[in-house]
Amino acid sequence: MTAVLPGPRAPLDAAPRPALRRWYEDELGWTVADGPPPCLPTGVRFDALGMPAAAGFAVLGRVRRVGPAALDRRSRTLWFLTATGTAEELPELLRWLEWDGIALDLVALGPGGRIVAPAPVRRPRAGDPPDPREAVWVRPPRPGYELEPTLPVTGLGGGTGTDAPDLVRLVSAAATECHRARLLRAGRSRRGRPTGISRWPSRTPHGSRPGHGPGR
């Protein structure tokens, strides 16, 4: 991975910037859009692939190599940063993977989109309270290194002559986990509905079903 120089520092007489903006602009060289809350624009350095948090964490357990990933706690969405162009490619990728026409809680943001800027990464100290901020990094970017080579792109193993993560593998796992999460929610919803079946214990003898007892 190629090391890069940090972005230019602000002039000494400039108005002080919040720590979050300084970290993104000086350490990573990223643009921060004004809030509240401060946001990271998509379609500039990266696109973002979003899904429910439970599905996203399942994807992290299945796909070893991904790019930076962030959790938006307020919306319970896990965002995977991906190569620019992902938002445009996603519908065709889902068709190729035979997921088209199936409802999935999967979204890709490109030009004009934005995600909540996660809190800057720092080493936790003993006794630190839980981080109350809206968004946190689950797989943080590395300050001082180029972002683009770490982002998933289309093709096996990246497919661009680099060691970039594979976008197709990421989208396939994301679609599977999003579908699984929808099925689990639907199952829980059905179990919670009244069915008209008596809530009293069954009198059916153990090991037999109605209409199939002895002598029938």
N, C-alpha and C. Protein backbone atom coordinates (compact mmCIF):
# COMPACT_ATOMS: atom_id res chain seq x y z
N MET A 1 0.85 -1.18 0.00
CA MET A 1 0.00 0.00 0.00
C MET A 1 0.89 1.23 0.00
N THR A 2 0.57 2.22 -0.83
CA THR A 2 1.43 3.38 -0.99
C THR A 2 1.12 4.43 0.05
N ALA A 3 2.15 4.94 0.71
CA ALA A 3 1.97 6.02 1.68
C ALA A 3 1.83 7.34 0.95
N VAL A 4 0.99 8.22 1.45
CA VAL A 4 0.80 9.53 0.85
C VAL A 4 0.97 10.59 1.92
N LEU A 5 1.31 11.80 1.47
CA LEU A 5 1.47 12.90 2.40
C LEU A 5 0.10 13.42 2.82
N PRO A 6 -0.04 13.88 4.08
CA PRO A 6 -1.33 14.43 4.51
C PRO A 6 -1.65 15.71 3.75
N GLY A 7 -2.91 16.10 3.79
CA GLY A 7 -3.34 17.32 3.10
C GLY A 7 -2.74 18.55 3.74
N PRO A 8 -2.83 19.70 3.05
CA PRO A 8 -2.25 20.93 3.57
C PRO A 8 -2.91 21.36 4.87
N ARG A 9 -2.11 21.88 5.78
CA ARG A 9 -2.65 22.37 7.06
C ARG A 9 -3.33 23.72 6.87
N ALA A 10 -4.27 24.02 7.75
CA ALA A 10 -4.96 25.30 7.68
C ALA A 10 -4.02 26.43 8.09
N PRO A 11 -4.19 27.64 7.52
CA PRO A 11 -3.37 28.78 7.94
C PRO A 11 -3.53 29.04 9.43
N LEU A 12 -2.47 29.61 10.03
CA LEU A 12 -2.49 29.84 11.47
C LEU A 12 -3.58 30.81 11.89
N ASP A 13 -3.93 31.76 10.99
CA ASP A 13 -4.92 32.75 11.37
C ASP A 13 -6.34 32.33 11.01
N ALA A 14 -6.53 31.07 10.52
CA ALA A 14 -7.86 30.61 10.17
C ALA A 14 -8.66 30.30 11.43
N ALA A 15 -9.98 30.33 11.30
CA ALA A 15 -10.83 30.00 12.44
C ALA A 15 -10.60 28.54 12.83
N PRO A 16 -10.58 28.24 14.12
CA PRO A 16 -10.34 26.86 14.54
C PRO A 16 -11.42 25.92 14.00
N ARG A 17 -11.00 24.74 13.59
CA ARG A 17 -11.94 23.75 13.06
C ARG A 17 -12.19 22.67 14.10
N PRO A 18 -13.38 22.08 14.09
CA PRO A 18 -13.66 20.97 15.01
C PRO A 18 -12.67 19.84 14.79
N ALA A 19 -12.44 19.06 15.85
CA ALA A 19 -11.48 17.95 15.77
C ALA A 19 -11.86 16.96 14.68
N LEU A 20 -13.17 16.71 14.51
CA LEU A 20 -13.61 15.76 13.49
C LEU A 20 -13.20 16.24 12.11
N ARG A 21 -13.43 17.50 11.80
CA ARG A 21 -13.08 18.02 10.49
C ARG A 21 -11.57 18.01 10.29
N ARG A 22 -10.82 18.37 11.33
CA ARG A 22 -9.35 18.36 11.20
C ARG A 22 -8.85 16.96 10.88
N TRP A 23 -9.42 15.93 11.55
CA TRP A 23 -8.96 14.56 11.33
C TRP A 23 -9.20 14.12 9.89
N TYR A 24 -10.40 14.40 9.38
CA TYR A 24 -10.71 13.99 8.02
C TYR A 24 -9.91 14.78 6.98
N GLU A 25 -9.84 16.07 7.16
CA GLU A 25 -9.19 16.90 6.15
C GLU A 25 -7.67 16.79 6.20
N ASP A 26 -7.09 16.78 7.40
CA ASP A 26 -5.63 16.77 7.52
C ASP A 26 -5.03 15.38 7.49
N GLU A 27 -5.66 14.43 8.18
CA GLU A 27 -5.10 13.09 8.26
C GLU A 27 -5.45 12.21 7.07
N LEU A 28 -6.68 12.38 6.55
CA LEU A 28 -7.13 11.52 5.45
C LEU A 28 -7.21 12.23 4.10
N GLY A 29 -7.32 13.55 4.12
CA GLY A 29 -7.48 14.28 2.87
C GLY A 29 -8.88 14.16 2.29
N TRP A 30 -9.90 13.94 3.16
CA TRP A 30 -11.28 13.77 2.70
C TRP A 30 -12.05 15.07 2.88
N THR A 31 -13.11 15.21 2.10
CA THR A 31 -14.00 16.36 2.23
C THR A 31 -15.08 16.05 3.26
N VAL A 32 -15.40 17.03 4.08
CA VAL A 32 -16.48 16.90 5.06
C VAL A 32 -17.54 17.93 4.74
N ALA A 33 -18.80 17.49 4.61
CA ALA A 33 -19.92 18.39 4.37
C ALA A 33 -20.47 18.86 5.70
N ASP A 34 -20.84 20.14 5.76
CA ASP A 34 -21.36 20.71 6.99
C ASP A 34 -22.64 20.02 7.43
N GLY A 35 -22.84 19.95 8.76
CA GLY A 35 -24.03 19.32 9.32
C GLY A 35 -24.98 20.35 9.86
N PRO A 36 -25.64 20.05 10.98
CA PRO A 36 -25.40 18.82 11.75
C PRO A 36 -26.22 17.64 11.25
N PRO A 37 -25.71 16.42 11.41
CA PRO A 37 -24.33 16.14 11.79
C PRO A 37 -23.40 16.29 10.58
N PRO A 38 -22.09 16.46 10.79
CA PRO A 38 -21.16 16.50 9.66
C PRO A 38 -21.25 15.19 8.87
N CYS A 39 -21.14 15.30 7.56
CA CYS A 39 -21.31 14.13 6.69
C CYS A 39 -20.15 14.00 5.72
N LEU A 40 -20.00 12.79 5.18
CA LEU A 40 -19.01 12.51 4.14
C LEU A 40 -19.76 12.36 2.82
N PRO A 41 -19.45 13.20 1.82
CA PRO A 41 -20.13 13.08 0.54
C PRO A 41 -19.67 11.84 -0.21
N THR A 42 -20.61 11.14 -0.84
CA THR A 42 -20.28 9.97 -1.64
C THR A 42 -20.18 10.38 -3.11
N GLY A 43 -19.55 9.50 -3.90
CA GLY A 43 -19.38 9.78 -5.31
C GLY A 43 -18.19 10.65 -5.63
N VAL A 44 -17.40 11.00 -4.62
CA VAL A 44 -16.21 11.83 -4.83
C VAL A 44 -14.95 10.96 -4.73
N ARG A 45 -14.66 10.46 -3.53
CA ARG A 45 -13.55 9.53 -3.33
C ARG A 45 -14.04 8.09 -3.29
N PHE A 46 -15.29 7.92 -2.94
CA PHE A 46 -15.85 6.57 -2.74
C PHE A 46 -17.35 6.62 -2.89
N ASP A 47 -17.98 5.46 -3.15
CA ASP A 47 -19.41 5.26 -2.99
C ASP A 47 -19.61 4.51 -1.68
N ALA A 48 -20.86 4.30 -1.29
CA ALA A 48 -21.13 3.60 -0.03
C ALA A 48 -22.26 2.61 -0.24
N LEU A 49 -22.03 1.38 0.22
CA LEU A 49 -23.02 0.30 0.15
C LEU A 49 -23.59 0.11 1.55
N GLY A 50 -24.92 0.34 1.72
CA GLY A 50 -25.53 0.30 3.04
C GLY A 50 -26.52 -0.82 3.19
N MET A 51 -26.62 -1.33 4.42
CA MET A 51 -27.54 -2.43 4.74
C MET A 51 -27.82 -2.41 6.24
N PRO A 52 -28.88 -3.12 6.69
CA PRO A 52 -29.14 -3.18 8.13
C PRO A 52 -27.92 -3.68 8.89
N ALA A 53 -27.74 -3.15 10.09
CA ALA A 53 -26.53 -3.46 10.86
C ALA A 53 -26.33 -4.95 11.06
N ALA A 54 -27.40 -5.69 11.38
CA ALA A 54 -27.26 -7.13 11.62
C ALA A 54 -26.73 -7.84 10.38
N ALA A 55 -27.26 -7.47 9.20
CA ALA A 55 -26.77 -8.07 7.96
C ALA A 55 -25.32 -7.65 7.71
N GLY A 56 -25.01 -6.39 7.99
CA GLY A 56 -23.65 -5.92 7.75
C GLY A 56 -22.62 -6.63 8.60
N PHE A 57 -22.93 -6.85 9.87
CA PHE A 57 -21.97 -7.55 10.73
C PHE A 57 -21.83 -9.02 10.30
N ALA A 58 -22.93 -9.60 9.79
CA ALA A 58 -22.83 -10.96 9.26
C ALA A 58 -21.91 -10.99 8.03
N VAL A 59 -22.00 -9.96 7.20
CA VAL A 59 -21.11 -9.87 6.03
C VAL A 59 -19.65 -9.77 6.47
N LEU A 60 -19.39 -8.98 7.49
CA LEU A 60 -18.02 -8.85 7.99
C LEU A 60 -17.49 -10.20 8.46
N GLY A 61 -18.37 -11.06 8.97
CA GLY A 61 -17.94 -12.38 9.39
C GLY A 61 -17.70 -13.34 8.24
N ARG A 62 -18.29 -13.03 7.06
CA ARG A 62 -18.17 -13.91 5.91
C ARG A 62 -17.08 -13.47 4.93
N VAL A 63 -16.93 -12.18 4.74
CA VAL A 63 -16.02 -11.65 3.73
C VAL A 63 -14.79 -11.09 4.45
N ARG A 64 -13.67 -11.72 4.23
CA ARG A 64 -12.47 -11.35 4.99
C ARG A 64 -11.92 -9.99 4.57
N ARG A 65 -11.93 -9.72 3.27
CA ARG A 65 -11.30 -8.49 2.78
C ARG A 65 -12.38 -7.52 2.30
N VAL A 66 -12.53 -6.45 3.05
CA VAL A 66 -13.42 -5.36 2.67
C VAL A 66 -12.66 -4.06 2.89
N GLY A 67 -13.22 -2.97 2.41
CA GLY A 67 -12.63 -1.67 2.68
C GLY A 67 -13.12 -1.12 4.01
N PRO A 68 -12.95 0.18 4.22
CA PRO A 68 -13.47 0.78 5.45
C PRO A 68 -14.98 0.57 5.58
N ALA A 69 -15.44 0.42 6.81
CA ALA A 69 -16.86 0.21 7.08
C ALA A 69 -17.24 1.00 8.33
N ALA A 70 -18.43 1.59 8.31
CA ALA A 70 -18.87 2.45 9.41
C ALA A 70 -20.30 2.10 9.81
N LEU A 71 -20.58 2.23 11.10
CA LEU A 71 -21.91 1.99 11.64
C LEU A 71 -22.58 3.31 11.98
N ASP A 72 -23.75 3.55 11.36
CA ASP A 72 -24.60 4.68 11.73
C ASP A 72 -25.56 4.17 12.79
N ARG A 73 -25.34 4.58 14.03
CA ARG A 73 -26.12 4.04 15.14
C ARG A 73 -27.57 4.49 15.11
N ARG A 74 -27.81 5.70 14.62
CA ARG A 74 -29.18 6.21 14.64
C ARG A 74 -30.07 5.42 13.69
N SER A 75 -29.60 5.14 12.48
CA SER A 75 -30.40 4.41 11.51
C SER A 75 -30.14 2.91 11.56
N ARG A 76 -29.18 2.47 12.39
CA ARG A 76 -28.80 1.05 12.47
C ARG A 76 -28.42 0.53 11.09
N THR A 77 -27.60 1.32 10.39
CA THR A 77 -27.12 0.96 9.05
C THR A 77 -25.61 0.80 9.08
N LEU A 78 -25.12 -0.26 8.45
CA LEU A 78 -23.69 -0.45 8.29
C LEU A 78 -23.33 -0.07 6.86
N TRP A 79 -22.37 0.84 6.72
CA TRP A 79 -21.96 1.33 5.42
C TRP A 79 -20.57 0.79 5.07
N PHE A 80 -20.46 0.17 3.90
CA PHE A 80 -19.17 -0.27 3.37
C PHE A 80 -18.74 0.73 2.31
N LEU A 81 -17.55 1.31 2.46
CA LEU A 81 -17.04 2.20 1.43
C LEU A 81 -16.56 1.35 0.26
N THR A 82 -16.95 1.74 -0.94
CA THR A 82 -16.61 0.99 -2.14
C THR A 82 -16.10 1.96 -3.21
N ALA A 83 -15.58 1.42 -4.30
CA ALA A 83 -15.06 2.26 -5.37
C ALA A 83 -16.17 3.12 -5.98
N THR A 84 -15.81 4.29 -6.45
CA THR A 84 -16.80 5.13 -7.13
C THR A 84 -17.34 4.38 -8.34
N GLY A 85 -18.62 4.55 -8.58
CA GLY A 85 -19.29 3.82 -9.65
C GLY A 85 -20.11 2.65 -9.16
N THR A 86 -19.94 2.28 -7.88
CA THR A 86 -20.69 1.15 -7.32
C THR A 86 -22.20 1.39 -7.39
N ALA A 87 -22.64 2.61 -7.07
CA ALA A 87 -24.08 2.89 -7.07
C ALA A 87 -24.67 2.65 -8.45
N GLU A 88 -23.92 2.98 -9.49
CA GLU A 88 -24.41 2.77 -10.86
C GLU A 88 -24.38 1.29 -11.22
N GLU A 89 -23.39 0.56 -10.71
CA GLU A 89 -23.23 -0.85 -11.07
C GLU A 89 -24.15 -1.79 -10.29
N LEU A 90 -24.63 -1.36 -9.13
CA LEU A 90 -25.34 -2.29 -8.24
C LEU A 90 -26.53 -2.98 -8.89
N PRO A 91 -27.44 -2.28 -9.59
CA PRO A 91 -28.58 -3.00 -10.18
C PRO A 91 -28.15 -4.11 -11.14
N GLU A 92 -27.14 -3.85 -11.96
CA GLU A 92 -26.69 -4.88 -12.89
C GLU A 92 -26.00 -6.03 -12.16
N LEU A 93 -25.25 -5.72 -11.11
CA LEU A 93 -24.62 -6.78 -10.32
C LEU A 93 -25.68 -7.69 -9.69
N LEU A 94 -26.73 -7.09 -9.14
CA LEU A 94 -27.79 -7.90 -8.52
C LEU A 94 -28.50 -8.76 -9.57
N ARG A 95 -28.68 -8.24 -10.78
CA ARG A 95 -29.28 -9.06 -11.85
C ARG A 95 -28.35 -10.22 -12.19
N TRP A 96 -27.06 -9.95 -12.32
CA TRP A 96 -26.10 -11.00 -12.67
C TRP A 96 -26.04 -12.07 -11.58
N LEU A 97 -26.20 -11.67 -10.33
CA LEU A 97 -26.18 -12.61 -9.21
C LEU A 97 -27.55 -13.23 -8.96
N GLU A 98 -28.54 -12.91 -9.84
CA GLU A 98 -29.89 -13.47 -9.76
C GLU A 98 -30.64 -13.03 -8.51
N TRP A 99 -30.40 -11.79 -8.09
CA TRP A 99 -31.14 -11.22 -6.97
C TRP A 99 -32.12 -10.15 -7.45
N ASP A 100 -32.22 -9.91 -8.75
CA ASP A 100 -33.12 -8.86 -9.23
C ASP A 100 -34.57 -9.29 -8.99
N GLY A 101 -35.40 -8.31 -8.66
CA GLY A 101 -36.81 -8.59 -8.40
C GLY A 101 -37.08 -9.07 -6.99
N ILE A 102 -36.05 -9.23 -6.17
CA ILE A 102 -36.21 -9.67 -4.78
C ILE A 102 -35.98 -8.46 -3.87
N ALA A 103 -36.91 -8.22 -2.96
CA ALA A 103 -36.79 -7.07 -2.07
C ALA A 103 -35.60 -7.26 -1.13
N LEU A 104 -34.68 -6.31 -1.17
CA LEU A 104 -33.51 -6.34 -0.30
C LEU A 104 -33.34 -4.96 0.33
N ASP A 105 -32.98 -4.92 1.60
CA ASP A 105 -32.69 -3.64 2.26
C ASP A 105 -31.24 -3.27 1.99
N LEU A 106 -30.94 -3.08 0.70
CA LEU A 106 -29.57 -2.84 0.26
C LEU A 106 -29.58 -1.60 -0.62
N VAL A 107 -28.73 -0.65 -0.29
CA VAL A 107 -28.72 0.61 -1.03
C VAL A 107 -27.28 1.03 -1.30
N ALA A 108 -27.06 1.68 -2.43
CA ALA A 108 -25.74 2.21 -2.75
C ALA A 108 -25.87 3.70 -3.02
N LEU A 109 -25.00 4.48 -2.41
CA LEU A 109 -25.01 5.93 -2.58
C LEU A 109 -23.82 6.34 -3.44
N GLY A 110 -24.09 7.16 -4.44
CA GLY A 110 -23.04 7.68 -5.32
C GLY A 110 -23.04 9.19 -5.30
N PRO A 111 -22.82 9.83 -6.44
CA PRO A 111 -22.78 11.30 -6.49
C PRO A 111 -24.04 11.92 -5.92
N GLY A 112 -23.86 12.91 -5.06
CA GLY A 112 -24.98 13.60 -4.44
C GLY A 112 -25.43 13.00 -3.12
N GLY A 113 -24.92 11.80 -2.77
CA GLY A 113 -25.28 11.18 -1.51
C GLY A 113 -24.33 11.57 -0.40
N ARG A 114 -24.65 11.16 0.80
CA ARG A 114 -23.77 11.43 1.94
C ARG A 114 -24.10 10.45 3.07
N ILE A 115 -23.09 10.16 3.87
CA ILE A 115 -23.27 9.36 5.08
C ILE A 115 -22.76 10.17 6.26
N VAL A 116 -23.28 9.87 7.45
CA VAL A 116 -22.83 10.58 8.65
C VAL A 116 -21.35 10.29 8.88
N ALA A 117 -20.57 11.32 9.12
CA ALA A 117 -19.13 11.16 9.33
C ALA A 117 -18.88 10.46 10.67
N PRO A 118 -18.28 9.28 10.67
CA PRO A 118 -18.01 8.60 11.93
C PRO A 118 -16.99 9.37 12.78
N ALA A 119 -17.03 9.10 14.08
CA ALA A 119 -16.09 9.74 15.00
C ALA A 119 -14.66 9.39 14.61
N PRO A 120 -13.72 10.34 14.74
CA PRO A 120 -12.31 10.02 14.46
C PRO A 120 -11.81 8.86 15.30
N VAL A 121 -10.90 8.11 14.73
CA VAL A 121 -10.38 6.93 15.42
C VAL A 121 -9.29 7.36 16.39
N ARG A 122 -9.36 6.87 17.60
CA ARG A 122 -8.32 7.09 18.59
C ARG A 122 -8.22 5.87 19.49
N ARG A 123 -7.10 5.75 20.16
CA ARG A 123 -6.92 4.62 21.08
C ARG A 123 -7.79 4.80 22.32
N PRO A 124 -8.63 3.81 22.66
CA PRO A 124 -9.44 3.94 23.88
C PRO A 124 -8.56 3.92 25.12
N ARG A 125 -8.98 4.66 26.12
CA ARG A 125 -8.25 4.69 27.39
C ARG A 125 -9.06 3.98 28.47
N ALA A 126 -8.38 3.47 29.46
CA ALA A 126 -9.06 2.77 30.56
C ALA A 126 -10.04 3.72 31.22
N GLY A 127 -11.25 3.24 31.44
CA GLY A 127 -12.26 4.05 32.09
C GLY A 127 -13.05 4.93 31.15
N ASP A 128 -12.77 4.88 29.83
CA ASP A 128 -13.55 5.68 28.88
C ASP A 128 -15.00 5.23 28.89
N PRO A 129 -15.96 6.19 28.90
CA PRO A 129 -17.37 5.80 28.80
C PRO A 129 -17.68 5.33 27.39
N PRO A 130 -18.81 4.63 27.16
CA PRO A 130 -19.20 4.25 25.81
C PRO A 130 -19.33 5.47 24.91
N ASP A 131 -18.90 5.34 23.66
CA ASP A 131 -18.95 6.45 22.71
C ASP A 131 -20.40 6.75 22.34
N PRO A 132 -20.90 7.96 22.66
CA PRO A 132 -22.31 8.24 22.42
C PRO A 132 -22.58 8.78 21.02
N ARG A 133 -21.55 8.96 20.21
CA ARG A 133 -21.74 9.63 18.94
C ARG A 133 -22.55 8.79 17.95
N GLU A 134 -23.09 9.47 16.94
CA GLU A 134 -24.05 8.86 16.04
C GLU A 134 -23.44 7.77 15.17
N ALA A 135 -22.18 7.94 14.76
CA ALA A 135 -21.57 7.00 13.83
C ALA A 135 -20.14 6.70 14.27
N VAL A 136 -19.74 5.46 14.11
CA VAL A 136 -18.39 5.04 14.49
C VAL A 136 -17.82 4.14 13.39
N TRP A 137 -16.50 4.09 13.31
CA TRP A 137 -15.85 3.20 12.36
C TRP A 137 -15.80 1.78 12.93
N VAL A 138 -16.20 0.82 12.11
CA VAL A 138 -16.07 -0.60 12.45
C VAL A 138 -14.78 -1.14 11.84
N ARG A 139 -14.50 -0.76 10.60
CA ARG A 139 -13.22 -1.01 9.94
C ARG A 139 -12.70 0.37 9.51
N PRO A 140 -11.84 0.99 10.28
CA PRO A 140 -11.46 2.37 9.98
C PRO A 140 -10.47 2.47 8.82
N PRO A 141 -10.46 3.63 8.15
CA PRO A 141 -9.43 3.90 7.15
C PRO A 141 -8.10 4.16 7.85
N ARG A 142 -7.01 4.06 7.09
CA ARG A 142 -5.68 4.26 7.66
C ARG A 142 -5.13 5.63 7.28
N PRO A 143 -4.98 6.53 8.25
CA PRO A 143 -4.39 7.83 7.93
C PRO A 143 -3.00 7.66 7.33
N GLY A 144 -2.69 8.50 6.33
CA GLY A 144 -1.38 8.47 5.71
C GLY A 144 -1.25 7.50 4.56
N TYR A 145 -2.35 6.79 4.23
CA TYR A 145 -2.32 5.83 3.12
C TYR A 145 -3.43 6.15 2.13
N GLU A 146 -3.20 5.79 0.88
CA GLU A 146 -4.21 6.01 -0.14
C GLU A 146 -5.47 5.21 0.16
N LEU A 147 -6.62 5.81 -0.10
CA LEU A 147 -7.89 5.15 0.15
C LEU A 147 -8.28 4.20 -0.98
N GLU A 148 -8.14 4.67 -2.22
CA GLU A 148 -8.70 3.96 -3.36
C GLU A 148 -8.25 2.51 -3.48
N PRO A 149 -6.97 2.16 -3.25
CA PRO A 149 -6.58 0.75 -3.39
C PRO A 149 -7.23 -0.18 -2.36
N THR A 150 -7.84 0.36 -1.31
CA THR A 150 -8.47 -0.48 -0.29
C THR A 150 -9.95 -0.70 -0.56
N LEU A 151 -10.51 -0.06 -1.60
CA LEU A 151 -11.96 -0.11 -1.82
C LEU A 151 -12.34 -1.27 -2.73
N PRO A 152 -13.41 -2.00 -2.40
CA PRO A 152 -13.88 -3.08 -3.27
C PRO A 152 -14.25 -2.56 -4.66
N VAL A 153 -13.79 -3.28 -5.69
CA VAL A 153 -14.11 -2.95 -7.08
C VAL A 153 -14.57 -4.22 -7.78
N THR A 154 -15.17 -4.05 -8.96
CA THR A 154 -15.71 -5.18 -9.69
C THR A 154 -14.60 -6.08 -10.21
N GLY A 155 -14.80 -7.41 -10.08
CA GLY A 155 -13.86 -8.37 -10.62
C GLY A 155 -13.30 -9.26 -9.54
N LEU A 156 -12.94 -10.50 -9.90
CA LEU A 156 -12.41 -11.45 -8.94
C LEU A 156 -11.12 -10.93 -8.36
N GLY A 157 -11.10 -10.76 -7.02
CA GLY A 157 -9.91 -10.24 -6.37
C GLY A 157 -9.64 -8.80 -6.72
N GLY A 158 -10.67 -8.09 -7.19
CA GLY A 158 -10.49 -6.71 -7.59
C GLY A 158 -10.54 -6.59 -9.10
N GLY A 159 -9.79 -7.45 -9.81
CA GLY A 159 -9.88 -7.49 -11.25
C GLY A 159 -9.28 -6.31 -11.96
N THR A 160 -8.49 -5.46 -11.27
CA THR A 160 -7.92 -4.28 -11.91
C THR A 160 -6.40 -4.33 -11.89
N GLY A 161 -5.83 -5.49 -11.64
CA GLY A 161 -4.38 -5.56 -11.54
C GLY A 161 -3.87 -5.12 -10.19
N THR A 162 -4.78 -4.84 -9.25
CA THR A 162 -4.39 -4.44 -7.90
C THR A 162 -4.84 -5.53 -6.93
N ASP A 163 -4.56 -5.29 -5.67
CA ASP A 163 -4.96 -6.24 -4.63
C ASP A 163 -6.23 -5.77 -3.94
N ALA A 164 -7.05 -4.99 -4.64
CA ALA A 164 -8.27 -4.44 -4.05
C ALA A 164 -9.27 -5.55 -3.75
N PRO A 165 -10.11 -5.37 -2.74
CA PRO A 165 -11.15 -6.36 -2.44
C PRO A 165 -12.13 -6.48 -3.61
N ASP A 166 -12.84 -7.60 -3.65
CA ASP A 166 -13.74 -7.92 -4.74
C ASP A 166 -15.16 -7.43 -4.43
N LEU A 167 -15.67 -6.51 -5.25
CA LEU A 167 -17.01 -5.95 -5.04
C LEU A 167 -18.09 -7.00 -5.25
N VAL A 168 -17.91 -7.89 -6.23
CA VAL A 168 -18.92 -8.91 -6.51
C VAL A 168 -19.12 -9.81 -5.29
N ARG A 169 -18.02 -10.22 -4.67
CA ARG A 169 -18.12 -11.07 -3.49
C ARG A 169 -18.83 -10.32 -2.35
N LEU A 170 -18.52 -9.05 -2.20
CA LEU A 170 -19.16 -8.25 -1.15
C LEU A 170 -20.66 -8.12 -1.40
N VAL A 171 -21.06 -7.79 -2.64
CA VAL A 171 -22.48 -7.62 -2.96
C VAL A 171 -23.23 -8.94 -2.82
N SER A 172 -22.61 -10.05 -3.23
CA SER A 172 -23.25 -11.36 -3.10
C SER A 172 -23.53 -11.69 -1.64
N ALA A 173 -22.54 -11.49 -0.78
CA ALA A 173 -22.73 -11.75 0.65
C ALA A 173 -23.76 -10.80 1.24
N ALA A 174 -23.72 -9.53 0.82
CA ALA A 174 -24.67 -8.55 1.35
C ALA A 174 -26.10 -8.91 0.97
N ALA A 175 -26.32 -9.30 -0.28
CA ALA A 175 -27.67 -9.67 -0.71
C ALA A 175 -28.17 -10.89 0.07
N THR A 176 -27.30 -11.88 0.25
CA THR A 176 -27.70 -13.08 0.99
C THR A 176 -28.09 -12.74 2.42
N GLU A 177 -27.27 -11.93 3.10
CA GLU A 177 -27.55 -11.61 4.50
C GLU A 177 -28.75 -10.68 4.65
N CYS A 178 -28.94 -9.77 3.70
CA CYS A 178 -30.13 -8.91 3.75
C CYS A 178 -31.40 -9.74 3.56
N HIS A 179 -31.36 -10.69 2.64
CA HIS A 179 -32.52 -11.55 2.42
C HIS A 179 -32.79 -12.42 3.65
N ARG A 180 -31.72 -12.96 4.23
CA ARG A 180 -31.88 -13.77 5.44
C ARG A 180 -32.50 -12.95 6.57
N ALA A 181 -32.06 -11.70 6.72
CA ALA A 181 -32.60 -10.85 7.78
C ALA A 181 -34.09 -10.56 7.55
N ARG A 182 -34.49 -10.35 6.27
CA ARG A 182 -35.90 -10.11 5.98
C ARG A 182 -36.75 -11.35 6.30
N LEU A 183 -36.23 -12.52 5.97
CA LEU A 183 -36.96 -13.75 6.27
C LEU A 183 -37.11 -13.94 7.77
N LEU A 184 -36.06 -13.65 8.53
CA LEU A 184 -36.13 -13.80 9.98
C LEU A 184 -37.15 -12.83 10.58
N ARG A 185 -37.16 -11.59 10.07
CA ARG A 185 -38.13 -10.61 10.57
C ARG A 185 -39.55 -11.05 10.24
N ALA A 186 -39.75 -11.56 9.02
CA ALA A 186 -41.08 -12.02 8.62
C ALA A 186 -41.52 -13.19 9.50
N GLY A 187 -40.59 -14.11 9.81
CA GLY A 187 -40.92 -15.24 10.66
C GLY A 187 -41.32 -14.80 12.06
N ARG A 188 -40.57 -13.85 12.62
CA ARG A 188 -40.92 -13.34 13.95
C ARG A 188 -42.27 -12.65 13.93
N SER A 189 -42.57 -11.93 12.84
CA SER A 189 -43.84 -11.23 12.74
C SER A 189 -45.00 -12.22 12.68
N ARG A 190 -44.83 -13.32 11.93
CA ARG A 190 -45.90 -14.33 11.85
C ARG A 190 -46.12 -15.01 13.18
N ARG A 191 -45.01 -15.26 13.90
CA ARG A 191 -45.17 -15.92 15.20
C ARG A 191 -45.87 -15.03 16.21
N GLY A 192 -45.80 -13.72 16.01
CA GLY A 192 -46.42 -12.80 16.95
C GLY A 192 -47.88 -12.54 16.68
N ARG A 193 -48.42 -13.04 15.54
CA ARG A 193 -49.82 -12.79 15.21
C ARG A 193 -50.72 -13.85 15.85
N PRO A 194 -51.95 -13.46 16.23
CA PRO A 194 -52.90 -14.47 16.74
C PRO A 194 -53.29 -15.43 15.63
N THR A 195 -53.36 -16.69 15.94
CA THR A 195 -53.66 -17.71 14.94
C THR A 195 -55.01 -18.36 15.15
N GLY A 196 -55.71 -18.09 16.25
CA GLY A 196 -56.98 -18.74 16.52
C GLY A 196 -56.83 -20.09 17.19
N ILE A 197 -55.57 -20.50 17.42
CA ILE A 197 -55.32 -21.78 18.09
C ILE A 197 -55.40 -21.57 19.60
N SER A 198 -56.00 -22.48 20.31
CA SER A 198 -56.15 -22.34 21.76
C SER A 198 -54.80 -22.21 22.43
N ARG A 199 -54.74 -21.32 23.42
CA ARG A 199 -53.50 -21.16 24.16
C ARG A 199 -53.37 -22.20 25.27
N TRP A 200 -54.43 -23.04 25.48
CA TRP A 200 -54.34 -24.05 26.52
C TRP A 200 -53.50 -25.21 26.04
N PRO A 201 -52.85 -25.94 26.97
CA PRO A 201 -52.01 -27.06 26.57
C PRO A 201 -52.80 -28.09 25.78
N SER A 202 -52.15 -28.68 24.82
CA SER A 202 -52.80 -29.69 23.99
C SER A 202 -53.09 -30.95 24.81
N ARG A 203 -54.25 -31.59 24.49
CA ARG A 203 -54.58 -32.85 25.13
C ARG A 203 -54.20 -34.03 24.25
N THR A 204 -53.57 -33.77 23.16
CA THR A 204 -53.16 -34.85 22.26
C THR A 204 -52.12 -35.71 22.94
N PRO A 205 -52.29 -37.03 22.95
CA PRO A 205 -51.27 -37.89 23.57
C PRO A 205 -49.91 -37.67 22.94
N HIS A 206 -48.89 -37.73 23.77
CA HIS A 206 -47.52 -37.53 23.29
C HIS A 206 -47.19 -38.56 22.21
N GLY A 207 -46.62 -38.07 21.11
CA GLY A 207 -46.18 -38.97 20.06
C GLY A 207 -47.23 -39.22 19.01
N SER A 208 -48.43 -38.63 19.11
CA SER A 208 -49.46 -38.81 18.08
C SER A 208 -50.02 -37.47 17.68
N ARG A 209 -50.65 -37.40 16.52
CA ARG A 209 -51.29 -36.20 16.05
C ARG A 209 -52.80 -36.40 15.98
N PRO A 210 -53.60 -35.32 15.98
CA PRO A 210 -55.05 -35.47 15.90
C PRO A 210 -55.44 -36.28 14.68
N GLY A 211 -56.33 -37.26 14.90
CA GLY A 211 -56.80 -38.09 13.79
C GLY A 211 -55.89 -39.24 13.49
N HIS A 212 -54.76 -39.38 14.24
CA HIS A 212 -53.83 -40.45 13.97
C HIS A 212 -53.52 -41.27 15.23
N GLY A 213 -54.44 -41.24 16.20
CA GLY A 213 -54.22 -41.98 17.44
C GLY A 213 -54.52 -43.44 17.26
N PRO A 214 -54.44 -44.22 18.31
CA PRO A 214 -54.69 -45.65 18.23
C PRO A 214 -56.10 -45.92 17.73
N GLY A 215 -56.22 -46.89 16.88
CA GLY A 215 -57.51 -47.31 16.37
C GLY A 215 -58.04 -46.46 15.26
N ARG A 216 -57.21 -45.52 14.72
CA ARG A 216 -57.67 -44.70 13.60
C ARG A 216 -56.79 -44.95 12.39
